[in-house]
PDB file of all heavy atoms in Angstrom:
ATOM      1  N   ARG A   1      14.866  24.726   9.761  1.00  0.00           N
ATOM      2  CA  ARG A   1      15.593  25.807   9.114  1.00  0.00           C
ATOM      3  C   ARG A   1      14.577  26.802   8.563  1.00  0.00           C
ATOM      4  O   ARG A   1      13.579  26.407   7.948  1.00  0.00           O
ATOM      5  CB  ARG A   1      16.468  25.284   7.979  1.00  0.00           C
ATOM      6  CG  ARG A   1      17.636  24.441   8.441  1.00  0.00           C
ATOM      7  CD  ARG A   1      18.491  24.023   7.263  1.00  0.00           C
ATOM      8  NE  ARG A   1      19.101  25.186   6.604  1.00  0.00           N
ATOM      9  CZ  ARG A   1      19.833  25.099   5.509  1.00  0.00           C
ATOM     10  NH1 ARG A   1      20.043  23.925   4.928  1.00  0.00           N
ATOM     11  NH2 ARG A   1      20.344  26.195   4.972  1.00  0.00           N
ATOM     12  N   ALA A   2      14.836  28.077   8.781  1.00  0.00           N
ATOM     13  CA  ALA A   2      13.914  29.104   8.302  1.00  0.00           C
ATOM     14  C   ALA A   2      13.847  29.088   6.784  1.00  0.00           C
ATOM     15  O   ALA A   2      14.859  28.910   6.099  1.00  0.00           O
ATOM     16  CB  ALA A   2      14.370  30.475   8.787  1.00  0.00           C
ATOM     17  N   LYS A   3      12.641  29.263   6.242  1.00  0.00           N
ATOM     18  CA  LYS A   3      12.435  29.345   4.795  1.00  0.00           C
ATOM     19  C   LYS A   3      12.274  30.820   4.435  1.00  0.00           C
ATOM     20  O   LYS A   3      11.221  31.420   4.672  1.00  0.00           O
ATOM     21  CB  LYS A   3      11.210  28.527   4.393  1.00  0.00           C
ATOM     22  CG  LYS A   3      11.403  27.036   4.675  1.00  0.00           C
ATOM     23  CD  LYS A   3      10.237  26.199   4.177  1.00  0.00           C
ATOM     24  CE  LYS A   3      10.491  24.718   4.457  1.00  0.00           C
ATOM     25  NZ  LYS A   3       9.382  23.857   3.991  1.00  0.00           N
ATOM     26  N   LEU A   4      13.323  31.378   3.837  1.00  0.00           N
ATOM     27  CA  LEU A   4      13.406  32.822   3.637  1.00  0.00           C
ATOM     28  C   LEU A   4      13.538  33.219   2.176  1.00  0.00           C
ATOM     29  O   LEU A   4      13.877  34.362   1.871  1.00  0.00           O
ATOM     30  CB  LEU A   4      14.619  33.376   4.414  1.00  0.00           C
ATOM     31  CG  LEU A   4      14.691  33.050   5.904  1.00  0.00           C
ATOM     32  CD1 LEU A   4      15.978  33.584   6.506  1.00  0.00           C
ATOM     33  CD2 LEU A   4      13.484  33.620   6.642  1.00  0.00           C
ATOM     34  N   SER A   5      13.241  32.287   1.264  1.00  0.00           N
ATOM     35  CA  SER A   5      13.469  32.578  -0.148  1.00  0.00           C
ATOM     36  C   SER A   5      12.421  33.523  -0.739  1.00  0.00           C
ATOM     37  O   SER A   5      12.683  34.209  -1.733  1.00  0.00           O
ATOM     38  CB  SER A   5      13.493  31.278  -0.961  1.00  0.00           C
ATOM     39  OG  SER A   5      12.248  30.594  -0.842  1.00  0.00           O
ATOM     40  N   TYR A   6      11.240  33.575  -0.125  1.00  0.00           N
ATOM     41  CA  TYR A   6      10.163  34.385  -0.693  1.00  0.00           C
ATOM     42  C   TYR A   6      10.447  35.868  -0.514  1.00  0.00           C
ATOM     43  O   TYR A   6      10.982  36.300   0.513  1.00  0.00           O
ATOM     44  CB  TYR A   6       8.829  34.004  -0.029  1.00  0.00           C
ATOM     45  CG  TYR A   6       7.615  34.382  -0.838  1.00  0.00           C
ATOM     46  CD1 TYR A   6       7.038  33.477  -1.720  1.00  0.00           C
ATOM     47  CD2 TYR A   6       7.049  35.650  -0.733  1.00  0.00           C
ATOM     48  CE1 TYR A   6       5.922  33.818  -2.466  1.00  0.00           C
ATOM     49  CE2 TYR A   6       5.942  36.008  -1.476  1.00  0.00           C
ATOM     50  CZ  TYR A   6       5.367  35.078  -2.336  1.00  0.00           C
ATOM     51  OH  TYR A   6       4.275  35.423  -3.081  1.00  0.00           O
ATOM     52  N   HIS A   7      10.071  36.649  -1.530  1.00  0.00           N
ATOM     53  CA  HIS A   7      10.282  38.098  -1.461  1.00  0.00           C
ATOM     54  C   HIS A   7       9.603  38.686  -0.219  1.00  0.00           C
ATOM     55  O   HIS A   7       8.437  38.414   0.056  1.00  0.00           O
ATOM     56  CB  HIS A   7       9.712  38.765  -2.713  1.00  0.00           C
ATOM     57  CG  HIS A   7       9.830  40.256  -2.695  1.00  0.00           C
ATOM     58  ND1 HIS A   7      11.040  40.906  -2.783  1.00  0.00           N
ATOM     59  CD2 HIS A   7       8.890  41.234  -2.569  1.00  0.00           C
ATOM     60  CE1 HIS A   7      10.855  42.212  -2.723  1.00  0.00           C
ATOM     61  NE2 HIS A   7       9.550  42.438  -2.590  1.00  0.00           N
ATOM     62  N   GLY A   8      10.342  39.471   0.515  1.00  0.00           N
ATOM     63  CA  GLY A   8       9.840  40.047   1.756  1.00  0.00           C
ATOM     64  C   GLY A   8      10.462  39.380   2.963  1.00  0.00           C
ATOM     65  O   GLY A   8      10.623  40.012   4.017  1.00  0.00           O
ATOM     66  N   LEU A   9      10.815  38.110   2.811  1.00  0.00           N
ATOM     67  CA  LEU A   9      11.498  37.393   3.883  1.00  0.00           C
ATOM     68  C   LEU A   9      12.993  37.289   3.608  1.00  0.00           C
ATOM     69  O   LEU A   9      13.772  37.008   4.528  1.00  0.00           O
ATOM     70  CB  LEU A   9      10.918  35.980   4.054  1.00  0.00           C
ATOM     71  CG  LEU A   9       9.429  35.873   4.386  1.00  0.00           C
ATOM     72  CD1 LEU A   9       9.043  34.416   4.623  1.00  0.00           C
ATOM     73  CD2 LEU A   9       9.072  36.716   5.604  1.00  0.00           C
ATOM     74  N   ASP A  10      13.394  37.512   2.348  1.00  0.00           N
ATOM     75  CA  ASP A  10      14.804  37.379   1.987  1.00  0.00           C
ATOM     76  C   ASP A  10      15.674  38.479   2.567  1.00  0.00           C
ATOM     77  O   ASP A  10      16.911  38.418   2.488  1.00  0.00           O
ATOM     78  CB  ASP A  10      14.972  37.312   0.462  1.00  0.00           C
ATOM     79  CG  ASP A  10      14.274  38.465  -0.263  1.00  0.00           C
ATOM     80  OD1 ASP A  10      13.735  39.357   0.421  1.00  0.00           O
ATOM     81  OD2 ASP A  10      14.256  38.448  -1.504  1.00  0.00           O
ATOM     82  N   SER A  11      15.049  39.473   3.177  1.00  0.00           N
ATOM     83  CA  SER A  11      15.828  40.531   3.834  1.00  0.00           C
ATOM     84  C   SER A  11      16.241  40.134   5.251  1.00  0.00           C
ATOM     85  O   SER A  11      17.090  40.798   5.862  1.00  0.00           O
ATOM     86  CB  SER A  11      15.018  41.831   3.891  1.00  0.00           C
ATOM     87  OG  SER A  11      13.823  41.646   4.651  1.00  0.00           O
ATOM     88  N   LEU A  12      15.665  39.065   5.770  1.00  0.00           N
ATOM     89  CA  LEU A  12      16.015  38.597   7.113  1.00  0.00           C
ATOM     90  C   LEU A  12      17.372  37.897   7.079  1.00  0.00           C
ATOM     91  O   LEU A  12      17.741  37.278   6.078  1.00  0.00           O
ATOM     92  CB  LEU A  12      14.954  37.622   7.627  1.00  0.00           C
ATOM     93  CG  LEU A  12      13.576  38.204   7.950  1.00  0.00           C
ATOM     94  CD1 LEU A  12      12.589  37.083   8.276  1.00  0.00           C
ATOM     95  CD2 LEU A  12      13.665  39.185   9.119  1.00  0.00           C
ATOM     96  N   PRO A  13      18.124  37.954   8.178  1.00  0.00           N
ATOM     97  CA  PRO A  13      19.420  37.263   8.215  1.00  0.00           C
ATOM     98  C   PRO A  13      19.241  35.752   8.188  1.00  0.00           C
ATOM     99  O   PRO A  13      18.185  35.235   8.576  1.00  0.00           O
ATOM    100  CB  PRO A  13      20.022  37.726   9.546  1.00  0.00           C
ATOM    101  CG  PRO A  13      18.839  38.122  10.385  1.00  0.00           C
ATOM    102  CD  PRO A  13      17.839  38.695   9.428  1.00  0.00           C
ATOM    103  N   ALA A  14      20.255  35.050   7.741  1.00  0.00           N
ATOM    104  CA  ALA A  14      20.177  33.587   7.623  1.00  0.00           C
ATOM    105  C   ALA A  14      19.860  32.921   8.958  1.00  0.00           C
ATOM    106  O   ALA A  14      19.227  31.867   9.005  1.00  0.00           O
ATOM    107  CB  ALA A  14      21.480  33.048   7.058  1.00  0.00           C
ATOM    108  N   GLY A  15      20.277  33.556  10.047  1.00  0.00           N
ATOM    109  CA  GLY A  15      20.035  32.967  11.368  1.00  0.00           C
ATOM    110  C   GLY A  15      18.752  33.435  12.025  1.00  0.00           C
ATOM    111  O   GLY A  15      18.593  33.300  13.251  1.00  0.00           O
ATOM    112  N   ALA A  16      17.820  33.945  11.240  1.00  0.00           N
ATOM    113  CA  ALA A  16      16.559  34.452  11.799  1.00  0.00           C
ATOM    114  C   ALA A  16      15.817  33.343  12.539  1.00  0.00           C
ATOM    115  O   ALA A  16      15.781  32.191  12.095  1.00  0.00           O
ATOM    116  CB  ALA A  16      15.684  35.010  10.682  1.00  0.00           C
ATOM    117  N   SER A  17      15.217  33.696  13.663  1.00  0.00           N
ATOM    118  CA  SER A  17      14.445  32.734  14.447  1.00  0.00           C
ATOM    119  C   SER A  17      13.044  32.599  13.875  1.00  0.00           C
ATOM    120  O   SER A  17      12.606  33.408  13.055  1.00  0.00           O
ATOM    121  CB  SER A  17      14.352  33.181  15.901  1.00  0.00           C
ATOM    122  OG  SER A  17      13.538  34.349  16.001  1.00  0.00           O
ATOM    123  N   ALA A  18      12.327  31.582  14.332  1.00  0.00           N
ATOM    124  CA  ALA A  18      10.945  31.390  13.898  1.00  0.00           C
ATOM    125  C   ALA A  18      10.083  32.581  14.316  1.00  0.00           C
ATOM    126  O   ALA A  18       9.178  32.987  13.581  1.00  0.00           O
ATOM    127  CB  ALA A  18      10.382  30.093  14.484  1.00  0.00           C
ATOM    128  N   VAL A  19      10.374  33.152  15.472  1.00  0.00           N
ATOM    129  CA  VAL A  19       9.638  34.337  15.927  1.00  0.00           C
ATOM    130  C   VAL A  19       9.903  35.511  14.992  1.00  0.00           C
ATOM    131  O   VAL A  19       8.987  36.259  14.631  1.00  0.00           O
ATOM    132  CB  VAL A  19      10.020  34.697  17.375  1.00  0.00           C
ATOM    133  CG1 VAL A  19       9.397  36.031  17.783  1.00  0.00           C
ATOM    134  CG2 VAL A  19       9.564  33.598  18.334  1.00  0.00           C
ATOM    135  N   ASP A  20      11.172  35.663  14.581  1.00  0.00           N
ATOM    136  CA  ASP A  20      11.515  36.727  13.633  1.00  0.00           C
ATOM    137  C   ASP A  20      10.727  36.574  12.338  1.00  0.00           C
ATOM    138  O   ASP A  20      10.199  37.553  11.794  1.00  0.00           O
ATOM    139  CB  ASP A  20      13.008  36.705  13.321  1.00  0.00           C
ATOM    140  CG  ASP A  20      13.877  37.072  14.506  1.00  0.00           C
ATOM    141  OD1 ASP A  20      13.386  37.807  15.379  1.00  0.00           O
ATOM    142  OD2 ASP A  20      15.037  36.619  14.544  1.00  0.00           O
ATOM    143  N   VAL A  21      10.673  35.333  11.835  1.00  0.00           N
ATOM    144  CA  VAL A  21       9.965  35.068  10.581  1.00  0.00           C
ATOM    145  C   VAL A  21       8.476  35.356  10.747  1.00  0.00           C
ATOM    146  O   VAL A  21       7.859  36.012   9.897  1.00  0.00           O
ATOM    147  CB  VAL A  21      10.179  33.608  10.128  1.00  0.00           C
ATOM    148  CG1 VAL A  21       9.360  33.321   8.870  1.00  0.00           C
ATOM    149  CG2 VAL A  21      11.652  33.335   9.875  1.00  0.00           C
ATOM    150  N   MET A  22       7.888  34.888  11.838  1.00  0.00           N
ATOM    151  CA  MET A  22       6.469  35.118  12.075  1.00  0.00           C
ATOM    152  C   MET A  22       6.158  36.610  12.144  1.00  0.00           C
ATOM    153  O   MET A  22       5.194  37.081  11.529  1.00  0.00           O
ATOM    154  CB  MET A  22       6.002  34.432  13.356  1.00  0.00           C
ATOM    155  CG  MET A  22       4.512  34.629  13.630  1.00  0.00           C
ATOM    156  SD  MET A  22       3.903  33.774  15.117  1.00  0.00           S
ATOM    157  CE  MET A  22       4.677  34.754  16.403  1.00  0.00           C
ATOM    158  N   LYS A  23       6.975  37.372  12.855  1.00  0.00           N
ATOM    159  CA  LYS A  23       6.745  38.807  12.974  1.00  0.00           C
ATOM    160  C   LYS A  23       6.844  39.491  11.610  1.00  0.00           C
ATOM    161  O   LYS A  23       6.058  40.396  11.304  1.00  0.00           O
ATOM    162  CB  LYS A  23       7.752  39.420  13.952  1.00  0.00           C
ATOM    163  CG  LYS A  23       7.483  39.077  15.405  1.00  0.00           C
ATOM    164  CD  LYS A  23       8.497  39.745  16.323  1.00  0.00           C
ATOM    165  CE  LYS A  23       8.178  39.472  17.790  1.00  0.00           C
ATOM    166  NZ  LYS A  23       9.180  40.094  18.697  1.00  0.00           N
ATOM    167  N   GLN A  24       7.794  39.042  10.788  1.00  0.00           N
ATOM    168  CA  GLN A  24       7.949  39.632   9.463  1.00  0.00           C
ATOM    169  C   GLN A  24       6.750  39.307   8.579  1.00  0.00           C
ATOM    170  O   GLN A  24       6.246  40.173   7.856  1.00  0.00           O
ATOM    171  CB  GLN A  24       9.239  39.122   8.811  1.00  0.00           C
ATOM    172  CG  GLN A  24       9.555  39.716   7.454  1.00  0.00           C
ATOM    173  CD  GLN A  24      10.169  41.095   7.529  1.00  0.00           C
ATOM    174  OE1 GLN A  24      10.073  41.784   8.552  1.00  0.00           O
ATOM    175  NE2 GLN A  24      10.801  41.517   6.447  1.00  0.00           N
ATOM    176  N   VAL A  25       6.276  38.065   8.633  1.00  0.00           N
ATOM    177  CA  VAL A  25       5.107  37.661   7.851  1.00  0.00           C
ATOM    178  C   VAL A  25       3.885  38.472   8.269  1.00  0.00           C
ATOM    179  O   VAL A  25       3.129  38.963   7.425  1.00  0.00           O
ATOM    180  CB  VAL A  25       4.835  36.147   8.010  1.00  0.00           C
ATOM    181  CG1 VAL A  25       3.468  35.778   7.442  1.00  0.00           C
ATOM    182  CG2 VAL A  25       5.921  35.341   7.316  1.00  0.00           C
ATOM    183  N   ILE A  26       3.695  38.610   9.565  1.00  0.00           N
ATOM    184  CA  ILE A  26       2.561  39.388  10.066  1.00  0.00           C
ATOM    185  C   ILE A  26       2.654  40.835   9.596  1.00  0.00           C
ATOM    186  O   ILE A  26       1.655  41.432   9.161  1.00  0.00           O
ATOM    187  CB  ILE A  26       2.503  39.310  11.605  1.00  0.00           C
ATOM    188  CG1 ILE A  26       2.106  37.898  12.045  1.00  0.00           C
ATOM    189  CG2 ILE A  26       1.518  40.339  12.165  1.00  0.00           C
ATOM    190  CD1 ILE A  26       2.189  37.675  13.543  1.00  0.00           C
ATOM    191  N   ALA A  27       3.844  41.415   9.647  1.00  0.00           N
ATOM    192  CA  ALA A  27       4.021  42.799   9.224  1.00  0.00           C
ATOM    193  C   ALA A  27       3.725  42.965   7.736  1.00  0.00           C
ATOM    194  O   ALA A  27       3.060  43.926   7.325  1.00  0.00           O
ATOM    195  CB  ALA A  27       5.444  43.253   9.533  1.00  0.00           C
ATOM    196  N   ILE A  28       4.204  42.018   6.926  1.00  0.00           N
ATOM    197  CA  ILE A  28       3.971  42.099   5.481  1.00  0.00           C
ATOM    198  C   ILE A  28       2.488  41.977   5.176  1.00  0.00           C
ATOM    199  O   ILE A  28       1.920  42.758   4.409  1.00  0.00           O
ATOM    200  CB  ILE A  28       4.762  41.002   4.741  1.00  0.00           C
ATOM    201  CG1 ILE A  28       6.267  41.241   4.863  1.00  0.00           C
ATOM    202  CG2 ILE A  28       4.368  40.966   3.261  1.00  0.00           C
ATOM    203  CD1 ILE A  28       7.107  40.084   4.356  1.00  0.00           C
ATOM    204  N   ARG A  29       1.853  40.972   5.784  1.00  0.00           N
ATOM    205  CA  ARG A  29       0.431  40.757   5.513  1.00  0.00           C
ATOM    206  C   ARG A  29      -0.403  41.949   5.990  1.00  0.00           C
ATOM    207  O   ARG A  29      -1.340  42.367   5.308  1.00  0.00           O
ATOM    208  CB  ARG A  29      -0.051  39.459   6.178  1.00  0.00           C
ATOM    209  CG  ARG A  29       0.521  38.195   5.556  1.00  0.00           C
ATOM    210  CD  ARG A  29      -0.060  36.936   6.201  1.00  0.00           C
ATOM    211  NE  ARG A  29      -1.474  36.779   5.889  1.00  0.00           N
ATOM    212  CZ  ARG A  29      -1.941  36.108   4.840  1.00  0.00           C
ATOM    213  NH1 ARG A  29      -1.117  35.533   3.989  1.00  0.00           N
ATOM    214  NH2 ARG A  29      -3.245  36.000   4.642  1.00  0.00           N
ATOM    215  N   ALA A  30      -0.065  42.483   7.145  1.00  0.00           N
ATOM    216  CA  ALA A  30      -0.823  43.616   7.679  1.00  0.00           C
ATOM    217  C   ALA A  30      -0.659  44.860   6.805  1.00  0.00           C
ATOM    218  O   ALA A  30      -1.574  45.682   6.701  1.00  0.00           O
ATOM    219  CB  ALA A  30      -0.388  43.914   9.111  1.00  0.00           C
ATOM    220  N   SER A  31       0.508  44.989   6.146  1.00  0.00           N
ATOM    221  CA  SER A  31       0.745  46.158   5.301  1.00  0.00           C
ATOM    222  C   SER A  31       0.037  46.041   3.960  1.00  0.00           C
ATOM    223  O   SER A  31      -0.267  47.050   3.323  1.00  0.00           O
ATOM    224  CB  SER A  31       2.250  46.350   5.069  1.00  0.00           C
ATOM    225  OG  SER A  31       2.775  45.315   4.240  1.00  0.00           O
ATOM    226  N   LYS A  32      -0.231  44.813   3.529  1.00  0.00           N
ATOM    227  CA  LYS A  32      -0.823  44.595   2.214  1.00  0.00           C
ATOM    228  C   LYS A  32      -2.321  44.325   2.262  1.00  0.00           C
ATOM    229  O   LYS A  32      -3.059  44.698   1.347  1.00  0.00           O
ATOM    230  CB  LYS A  32      -0.149  43.388   1.533  1.00  0.00           C
ATOM    231  CG  LYS A  32       1.267  43.624   1.086  1.00  0.00           C
ATOM    232  CD  LYS A  32       1.791  42.398   0.349  1.00  0.00           C
ATOM    233  CE  LYS A  32       3.176  42.618  -0.224  1.00  0.00           C
ATOM    234  NZ  LYS A  32       3.653  41.435  -0.980  1.00  0.00           N
ATOM    235  N   LEU A  33      -2.763  43.623   3.300  1.00  0.00           N
ATOM    236  CA  LEU A  33      -4.144  43.134   3.331  1.00  0.00           C
ATOM    237  C   LEU A  33      -4.965  43.900   4.355  1.00  0.00           C
ATOM    238  O   LEU A  33      -4.557  44.020   5.521  1.00  0.00           O
ATOM    239  CB  LEU A  33      -4.164  41.636   3.672  1.00  0.00           C
ATOM    240  CG  LEU A  33      -3.354  40.739   2.730  1.00  0.00           C
ATOM    241  CD1 LEU A  33      -3.335  39.311   3.243  1.00  0.00           C
ATOM    242  CD2 LEU A  33      -3.929  40.786   1.317  1.00  0.00           C
ATOM    243  N   PRO A  34      -6.129  44.397   3.979  1.00  0.00           N
ATOM    244  CA  PRO A  34      -6.971  45.133   4.925  1.00  0.00           C
ATOM    245  C   PRO A  34      -7.547  44.217   5.993  1.00  0.00           C
ATOM    246  O   PRO A  34      -7.859  43.048   5.727  1.00  0.00           O
ATOM    247  CB  PRO A  34      -8.074  45.700   4.030  1.00  0.00           C
ATOM    248  CG  PRO A  34      -8.127  44.780   2.847  1.00  0.00           C
ATOM    249  CD  PRO A  34      -6.723  44.327   2.628  1.00  0.00           C
ATOM    250  N   ASP A  35      -7.680  44.734   7.184  1.00  0.00           N
ATOM    251  CA  ASP A  35      -8.260  43.986   8.306  1.00  0.00           C
ATOM    252  C   ASP A  35      -9.747  43.764   8.031  1.00  0.00           C
ATOM    253  O   ASP A  35     -10.501  44.728   7.866  1.00  0.00           O
ATOM    254  CB  ASP A  35      -8.072  44.796   9.591  1.00  0.00           C
ATOM    255  CG  ASP A  35      -8.572  44.076  10.830  1.00  0.00           C
ATOM    256  OD1 ASP A  35      -9.272  43.055  10.696  1.00  0.00           O
ATOM    257  OD2 ASP A  35      -8.276  44.560  11.940  1.00  0.00           O
ATOM    258  N   PRO A  36     -10.203  42.495   7.977  1.00  0.00           N
ATOM    259  CA  PRO A  36     -11.624  42.246   7.701  1.00  0.00           C
ATOM    260  C   PRO A  36     -12.563  42.804   8.759  1.00  0.00           C
ATOM    261  O   PRO A  36     -13.752  42.986   8.495  1.00  0.00           O
ATOM    262  CB  PRO A  36     -11.714  40.718   7.617  1.00  0.00           C
ATOM    263  CG  PRO A  36     -10.485  40.204   8.284  1.00  0.00           C
ATOM    264  CD  PRO A  36      -9.435  41.251   8.090  1.00  0.00           C
ATOM    265  N   GLN A  37     -12.035  43.103   9.956  1.00  0.00           N
ATOM    266  CA  GLN A  37     -12.867  43.721  10.981  1.00  0.00           C
ATOM    267  C   GLN A  37     -13.150  45.188  10.661  1.00  0.00           C
ATOM    268  O   GLN A  37     -14.106  45.766  11.165  1.00  0.00           O
ATOM    269  CB  GLN A  37     -12.174  43.618  12.349  1.00  0.00           C
ATOM    270  CG  GLN A  37     -11.934  42.206  12.828  1.00  0.00           C
ATOM    271  CD  GLN A  37     -13.225  41.425  13.018  1.00  0.00           C
ATOM    272  OE1 GLN A  37     -14.205  41.960  13.530  1.00  0.00           O
ATOM    273  NE2 GLN A  37     -13.230  40.161  12.616  1.00  0.00           N
ATOM    274  N   VAL A  38     -12.308  45.768   9.820  1.00  0.00           N
ATOM    275  CA  VAL A  38     -12.467  47.168   9.417  1.00  0.00           C
ATOM    276  C   VAL A  38     -13.090  47.268   8.036  1.00  0.00           C
ATOM    277  O   VAL A  38     -14.047  48.018   7.810  1.00  0.00           O
ATOM    278  CB  VAL A  38     -11.108  47.895   9.442  1.00  0.00           C
ATOM    279  CG1 VAL A  38     -11.264  49.349   8.994  1.00  0.00           C
ATOM    280  CG2 VAL A  38     -10.487  47.822  10.832  1.00  0.00           C
ATOM    281  N   LEU A  39     -12.542  46.518   7.089  1.00  0.00           N
ATOM    282  CA  LEU A  39     -13.060  46.441   5.724  1.00  0.00           C
ATOM    283  C   LEU A  39     -13.343  44.974   5.408  1.00  0.00           C
ATOM    284  O   LEU A  39     -12.412  44.202   5.173  1.00  0.00           O
ATOM    285  CB  LEU A  39     -12.043  47.002   4.721  1.00  0.00           C
ATOM    286  CG  LEU A  39     -11.947  48.508   4.563  1.00  0.00           C
ATOM    287  CD1 LEU A  39     -10.812  48.858   3.603  1.00  0.00           C
ATOM    288  CD2 LEU A  39     -13.262  49.091   4.054  1.00  0.00           C
ATOM    289  N   PRO A  40     -14.602  44.554   5.447  1.00  0.00           N
ATOM    290  CA  PRO A  40     -14.917  43.139   5.238  1.00  0.00           C
ATOM    291  C   PRO A  40     -14.344  42.605   3.922  1.00  0.00           C
ATOM    292  O   PRO A  40     -14.557  43.184   2.853  1.00  0.00           O
ATOM    293  CB  PRO A  40     -16.446  43.129   5.227  1.00  0.00           C
ATOM    294  CG  PRO A  40     -16.840  44.309   6.059  1.00  0.00           C
ATOM    295  CD  PRO A  40     -15.813  45.351   5.738  1.00  0.00           C
ATOM    296  N   ASN A  41     -13.598  41.507   4.020  1.00  0.00           N
ATOM    297  CA  ASN A  41     -12.978  40.896   2.850  1.00  0.00           C
ATOM    298  C   ASN A  41     -12.593  39.462   3.172  1.00  0.00           C
ATOM    299  O   ASN A  41     -12.652  39.036   4.327  1.00  0.00           O
ATOM    300  CB  ASN A  41     -11.759  41.702   2.405  1.00  0.00           C
ATOM    301  CG  ASN A  41     -10.584  41.561   3.350  1.00  0.00           C
ATOM    302  OD1 ASN A  41      -9.755  40.663   3.211  1.00  0.00           O
ATOM    303  ND2 ASN A  41     -10.509  42.456   4.350  1.00  0.00           N
ATOM    304  N   ALA A  42     -12.174  38.740   2.152  1.00  0.00           N
ATOM    305  CA  ALA A  42     -11.774  37.346   2.333  1.00  0.00           C
ATOM    306  C   ALA A  42     -10.311  37.142   1.964  1.00  0.00           C
ATOM    307  O   ALA A  42      -9.905  36.051   1.565  1.00  0.00           O
ATOM    308  CB  ALA A  42     -12.659  36.432   1.492  1.00  0.00           C
TER     309      ALA A  42
END
């Protein structure tokens, strides 16, 4: 069962697939965290 309680994932529908969740997580992380290949970070 998809775990959607965290802020940012709670906008997904209850029937979201694992691919949907993964794409949303990637989008959120990419919007918040700089790419270490561009700006070195941990």
